[in-house]
Protein backbone atom coordinates (compact mmCIF):
# COMPACT_ATOMS: atom_id res chain seq x y z
CA MET A 1 6.53 -60.01 37.11
CA ARG A 2 4.45 -57.57 34.74
CA LEU A 3 4.38 -54.70 37.43
CA PRO A 4 8.09 -53.13 35.52
CA GLN A 5 6.78 -53.65 31.97
CA THR A 6 3.17 -51.66 33.17
CA LYS A 7 5.52 -48.46 34.70
CA THR A 8 7.44 -48.70 31.47
CA THR A 9 4.36 -48.46 29.54
CA ILE A 10 3.09 -45.49 31.67
CA ALA A 11 6.29 -43.90 31.41
CA LEU A 12 6.09 -43.95 27.74
CA LEU A 13 2.47 -42.93 27.88
CA ALA A 14 3.51 -39.76 29.78
CA GLY A 15 6.41 -38.85 27.96
CA CYS A 16 4.65 -38.94 24.34
CA VAL A 17 1.97 -36.75 26.32
CA LEU A 18 4.66 -34.05 27.62
CA ALA A 19 6.29 -33.96 23.84
CA GLY A 20 2.77 -33.72 21.88
CA THR A 21 3.44 -36.85 19.94
CA ALA A 22 1.05 -39.32 18.84
CA CYS A 23 2.30 -42.43 20.07
CA SER A 24 -0.45 -44.16 20.23
CA LYS A 25 -0.21 -45.11 16.15
CA ALA A 26 3.37 -45.37 14.99
CA GLU A 27 4.75 -44.25 11.92
CA GLY A 28 5.62 -46.81 9.15
CA GLY A 29 6.29 -47.11 5.85
CA LEU A 30 5.74 -43.84 3.56
CA GLY A 31 4.45 -42.37 6.46
CA ALA A 32 8.35 -43.15 8.01
CA GLU A 33 10.33 -41.13 4.96
CA PRO A 34 11.18 -37.99 4.57
CA ALA A 35 9.26 -35.26 3.22
CA ASP A 36 11.24 -34.36 0.62
CA ALA A 37 11.08 -38.06 -0.24
CA ILE A 38 6.91 -38.78 -0.22
CA THR A 39 6.83 -35.88 -2.36
CA GLY A 40 9.67 -37.22 -4.66
CA LYS A 41 7.22 -40.74 -5.20
CA ALA A 42 3.85 -38.62 -5.04
CA LYS A 43 5.35 -36.73 -8.52
CA ALA A 44 7.06 -40.07 -9.83
CA ALA A 45 3.19 -41.58 -9.28
CA ALA A 46 1.40 -39.11 -10.65
CA ALA A 47 4.26 -38.81 -13.74
CA GLY A 48 3.56 -42.57 -14.44
CA ALA A 49 -0.49 -42.19 -13.95
CA THR A 50 -2.37 -43.00 -17.45
CA ALA A 51 -5.63 -40.87 -16.28
CA VAL A 52 -6.38 -38.73 -13.58
CA HIS A 53 -9.77 -35.75 -12.76
CA VAL A 54 -8.85 -32.65 -11.68
CA GLN A 55 -11.13 -30.68 -9.54
CA GLY A 56 -11.03 -27.25 -7.73
CA VAL A 57 -10.02 -23.82 -7.13
CA TRP A 58 -7.29 -21.94 -9.21
CA LYS A 59 -6.87 -18.20 -7.68
CA ILE A 60 -4.41 -15.78 -8.78
CA GLU A 61 -4.60 -12.64 -8.04
CA ASN A 62 -7.96 -11.36 -7.69
CA ARG A 63 -9.13 -14.10 -10.39
CA GLN A 64 -10.57 -17.41 -9.68
CA PHE A 65 -10.90 -20.44 -11.73
CA ARG A 66 -12.86 -23.40 -11.19
CA ILE A 67 -11.31 -26.30 -12.89
CA ASP A 68 -13.52 -29.86 -13.46
CA LEU A 69 -11.06 -31.51 -16.21
CA ARG A 70 -10.51 -35.20 -16.97
CA LEU A 71 -7.37 -35.93 -18.59
CA LYS A 72 -5.31 -38.37 -20.23
CA ARG A 73 -1.85 -38.82 -22.46
CA ASP A 74 -4.01 -38.51 -25.68
CA GLY A 75 -6.47 -35.38 -24.91
CA GLY A 76 -9.13 -34.68 -22.14
CA VAL A 77 -12.07 -32.62 -21.10
CA GLY A 78 -13.43 -30.07 -18.63
CA THR A 79 -14.75 -27.09 -18.05
CA VAL A 80 -12.78 -23.98 -16.57
CA VAL A 81 -15.14 -21.27 -14.96
CA THR A 82 -14.39 -18.08 -14.63
CA SER A 83 -16.66 -15.00 -13.14
CA ASP A 84 -16.78 -13.98 -16.70
CA SER A 85 -17.91 -17.36 -18.12
CA THR A 86 -17.90 -20.78 -18.57
CA VAL A 87 -15.44 -22.61 -20.89
CA GLU A 88 -15.49 -25.88 -21.81
CA LEU A 89 -12.36 -27.24 -23.67
CA LEU A 90 -12.04 -30.61 -25.86
CA ARG A 91 -8.95 -32.40 -26.90
CA ILE A 92 -8.30 -35.39 -28.78
CA GLY A 93 -4.67 -35.63 -30.07
CA GLN A 94 -3.65 -32.61 -31.97
CA ASP A 95 -7.27 -31.44 -32.36
CA LEU A 96 -8.22 -28.78 -29.83
CA PHE A 97 -12.26 -27.95 -28.69
CA VAL A 98 -13.44 -24.71 -26.82
CA ARG A 99 -16.99 -24.33 -26.79
CA GLY A 100 -17.94 -21.45 -24.13
CA ASP A 101 -21.36 -19.47 -23.00
CA ALA A 102 -22.19 -16.07 -24.63
CA ARG A 103 -19.97 -13.90 -22.70
CA LEU A 104 -16.55 -15.95 -24.09
CA TYR A 105 -16.92 -13.77 -27.46
CA GLN A 106 -17.94 -10.46 -26.31
CA GLY A 107 -15.51 -7.30 -26.94
CA ARG A 108 -13.18 -7.42 -24.55
CA ASP A 109 -12.99 -3.79 -24.14
CA GLY A 110 -16.44 -3.95 -23.10
CA ARG A 111 -17.87 -2.44 -25.60
CA GLY A 112 -19.67 -5.16 -27.87
CA GLY A 113 -22.36 -4.29 -30.41
CA ALA A 114 -24.88 -5.43 -32.07
CA ASP A 115 -22.43 -7.81 -34.46
CA VAL A 116 -20.69 -8.73 -31.35
CA GLU A 117 -23.74 -9.51 -29.73
CA GLN A 118 -25.53 -11.76 -32.53
CA SER A 119 -21.94 -13.32 -33.10
CA ALA A 120 -21.82 -14.51 -28.98
CA GLN A 121 -25.63 -15.66 -29.02
CA ALA A 122 -24.84 -17.41 -32.25
CA LEU A 123 -21.59 -18.74 -31.09
CA ARG A 124 -22.40 -20.03 -27.49
CA ASP A 125 -23.63 -23.58 -28.64
CA LYS A 126 -21.32 -23.93 -31.07
CA PHE A 127 -17.78 -25.93 -30.16
CA VAL A 128 -14.36 -23.43 -32.00
CA LYS A 129 -11.22 -25.62 -33.28
CA VAL A 130 -8.76 -24.38 -32.64
CA PRO A 131 -5.81 -24.92 -34.94
CA PRO A 132 -2.21 -25.87 -33.58
CA SER A 133 -0.48 -22.65 -35.63
CA ASP A 134 -2.70 -20.14 -33.30
CA PRO A 135 -0.84 -18.80 -30.24
CA SER A 136 -3.88 -19.44 -28.01
CA TYR A 137 -3.82 -23.16 -28.54
CA ALA A 138 -0.59 -24.04 -26.32
CA ARG A 139 -2.09 -21.62 -23.49
CA LEU A 140 -5.42 -23.65 -24.07
CA SER A 141 -4.64 -26.92 -24.59
CA GLY A 142 -2.30 -27.12 -21.33
CA PHE A 143 -5.10 -27.13 -19.66
CA THR A 144 -6.22 -30.51 -21.50
CA ARG A 145 -2.54 -31.70 -20.91
CA MET A 146 -1.92 -34.17 -18.07
CA GLN A 147 1.89 -34.02 -17.63
CA ASP A 148 1.21 -29.64 -17.41
CA MET A 149 -1.62 -30.58 -14.83
CA ILE A 150 -0.36 -32.61 -12.37
CA THR A 151 3.46 -32.55 -12.81
CA ASP A 152 4.31 -28.90 -14.08
CA LEU A 153 1.59 -27.43 -11.86
CA ILE A 154 2.03 -28.85 -8.23
CA ARG A 155 5.39 -27.10 -7.12
CA LEU A 156 6.38 -26.91 -3.39
CA ASN A 157 9.04 -24.01 -2.75
CA GLY A 158 10.57 -24.43 0.38
CA LYS A 159 11.56 -26.39 3.29
CA LEU A 160 9.09 -29.60 3.12
CA LYS A 161 8.47 -30.91 6.56
CA LYS A 162 5.34 -33.75 7.16
CA ASN A 163 2.31 -31.91 8.62
CA GLY A 164 -0.10 -35.09 10.14
CA ARG A 165 -2.38 -36.68 8.05
CA GLU A 166 -5.85 -36.10 6.73
CA LYS A 167 -8.54 -37.88 4.96
CA VAL A 168 -9.09 -36.61 1.10
CA ARG A 169 -12.23 -38.37 -0.28
CA GLY A 170 -11.95 -40.82 2.09
CA ALA A 171 -8.65 -41.89 1.72
CA GLU A 172 -6.26 -41.58 4.59
CA THR A 173 -3.12 -39.17 2.92
CA LEU A 174 -0.22 -38.18 4.63
CA LYS A 175 0.24 -34.17 4.73
CA VAL A 176 3.50 -32.41 3.47
CA ALA A 177 3.82 -28.22 3.32
CA ALA A 178 6.43 -26.53 1.88
CA ASP A 179 8.12 -23.47 4.10
CA ARG A 180 4.71 -23.96 6.44
CA GLY A 181 2.38 -23.95 4.07
CA ARG A 182 3.27 -20.44 2.25
CA GLY A 183 5.58 -22.53 -0.39
CA GLY A 184 2.17 -24.98 -0.94
CA GLU A 185 1.28 -27.98 0.48
CA LEU A 186 0.67 -31.88 -0.73
CA ARG A 187 -2.02 -34.57 1.15
CA VAL A 188 0.01 -37.98 -0.64
CA ALA A 189 -1.93 -41.00 -0.33
CA LEU A 190 -0.93 -43.54 2.10
CA SER A 191 -1.97 -46.57 1.35
CA GLY A 192 -1.16 -48.28 -2.34
CA THR A 193 -0.08 -45.89 -4.85
CA PRO A 194 1.72 -43.22 -3.34
CA PHE A 195 -0.55 -40.46 -5.82
CA PRO A 196 -1.10 -36.87 -4.90
CA LEU A 197 -4.63 -36.26 -3.94
CA LYS A 198 -4.86 -33.38 -3.30
CA TYR A 199 -2.45 -29.81 -3.97
CA ILE A 200 -2.52 -26.48 -1.40
CA PRO A 201 -0.75 -24.13 -4.14
CA SER A 202 -0.71 -21.11 -0.92
CA PRO A 203 -2.77 -20.27 1.50
CA SER A 204 -4.69 -18.02 -0.68
CA GLY A 205 -3.99 -20.29 -3.63
CA GLY A 206 -7.56 -22.20 -4.01
CA SER A 207 -6.57 -26.01 -3.40
CA LEU A 208 -6.85 -28.88 -6.34
CA GLU A 209 -8.27 -32.34 -5.74
CA LEU A 210 -6.68 -35.16 -7.85
CA PHE A 211 -8.73 -38.72 -8.30
CA GLU A 212 -10.08 -41.34 -10.46
CA TYR A 213 -6.27 -41.68 -11.63
CA ASN A 214 -5.88 -44.57 -13.97
CA GLN A 215 -9.24 -44.77 -14.60
CA ASP A 216 -9.72 -44.69 -18.79
CA PHE A 217 -13.13 -42.46 -20.24
CA PRO A 218 -14.34 -41.89 -24.09
CA LEU A 219 -13.63 -38.81 -25.92
CA VAL A 220 -15.60 -38.06 -28.56
CA LEU A 221 -15.45 -35.80 -31.59
CA PRO A 222 -18.25 -33.01 -32.07
CA LYS A 223 -20.04 -33.19 -34.45
CA ALA A 224 -19.58 -31.82 -37.77
CA GLU A 225 -22.66 -29.10 -37.49
CA GLU A 226 -21.63 -28.05 -33.73
CA VAL A 227 -17.95 -27.09 -34.88
CA VAL A 228 -17.01 -23.49 -36.05
CA ASP A 229 -14.60 -22.71 -38.35
CA TYR A 230 -11.92 -20.38 -35.95
CA GLY A 231 -10.33 -18.72 -38.83
CA THR A 232 -13.97 -16.32 -39.66
CA LEU A 233 -13.63 -15.48 -35.53
CA THR A 234 -10.18 -13.66 -35.06
CA ASP A 235 -8.96 -12.90 -38.98
CA GLY A 236 -5.44 -13.68 -38.19
CA LYS A 237 -5.62 -11.67 -35.05
CA ASP A 238 -4.18 -13.90 -31.69
CA PRO A 239 -8.05 -13.31 -28.87
CA ALA A 240 -6.09 -14.19 -26.05
CA GLY A 241 -2.99 -12.35 -24.38
CA LYS A 242 -0.50 -14.08 -22.57
CA PRO A 243 -1.27 -16.60 -19.66
CA PRO A 244 0.30 -16.28 -16.07
CA THR A 245 3.51 -17.83 -15.30
CA GLY A 246 3.12 -17.63 -11.95
CA LYS A 247 1.52 -20.48 -9.94
CA PRO A 248 -1.79 -19.95 -8.45
CA GLY A 249 -1.82 -17.63 -5.36
CA ASP A 250 1.35 -15.52 -6.56
CA LYS A 251 1.09 -11.74 -7.68
CA THR A 252 1.71 -11.19 -10.60
CA THR A 253 1.87 -8.95 -13.12
CA GLU A 254 -0.23 -10.59 -16.41
CA LYS A 255 -3.68 -10.90 -16.87
CA PRO A 256 -5.40 -14.19 -15.48
CA GLY A 257 -8.36 -13.83 -17.85
CA ASP A 258 -5.92 -13.95 -20.79
CA LEU A 259 -5.80 -17.66 -20.89
CA ILE A 260 -9.23 -17.58 -22.62
CA PRO A 261 -10.35 -15.91 -25.66
CA GLY A 262 -12.61 -13.05 -25.09
CA GLY A 263 -11.28 -12.92 -21.11
CA THR A 264 -11.24 -9.65 -19.24
CA ASP A 265 -9.75 -8.30 -15.73
């Protein structure tokens, strides 16, 4: 009496093998939804988060930024590392502090000099408080604004398609690719809240992992003796040029090194 059912099962399995589909594990829940719905839910979940940890590599043209930032609604803290320097960022409310190694304050034309070198050595262990009125403020504080980093940064361009699964930091995720990966890829948590757990902007744009959602952390003001007046450094001049407007991996004529004061190409 069970023979017809057995034949049916064998036929279904054979069909799965021939079709190249994973019939051994039927999709359900989030996995059964279309790709655009999955990414929409992921972006909504990220926008509703109270905190997140962003870590990874962001590549623009020939420049690489290694990012390690903890972000929440009222501020953020972490580092951005390039081949030229290491920049520590701290924002508490509207107060933005920047601390870098000696290379950060070197002359951008590479000529330097004794005065520049002396200043660089004196500033390397100090926080520089950047006033909101300075053009550098918006560019640097963007790294510490959670919505800028996890909502504006995550962009998928092209036709979306589900592309299997992948484990990210031990969590099972759904893979969504735009334009076969050329327009970016996203890894979305399969269980629980559908947070985006990994973002790949392009095949050559590096990748960012997003984790520790909604986990609060302290933001501590630096001591007064650790802070230097920004006005004494710039003499009213903007030390940072325009940041790149393209997403990681894009070709752009703007200068990625200009995201930080003293950056070089």
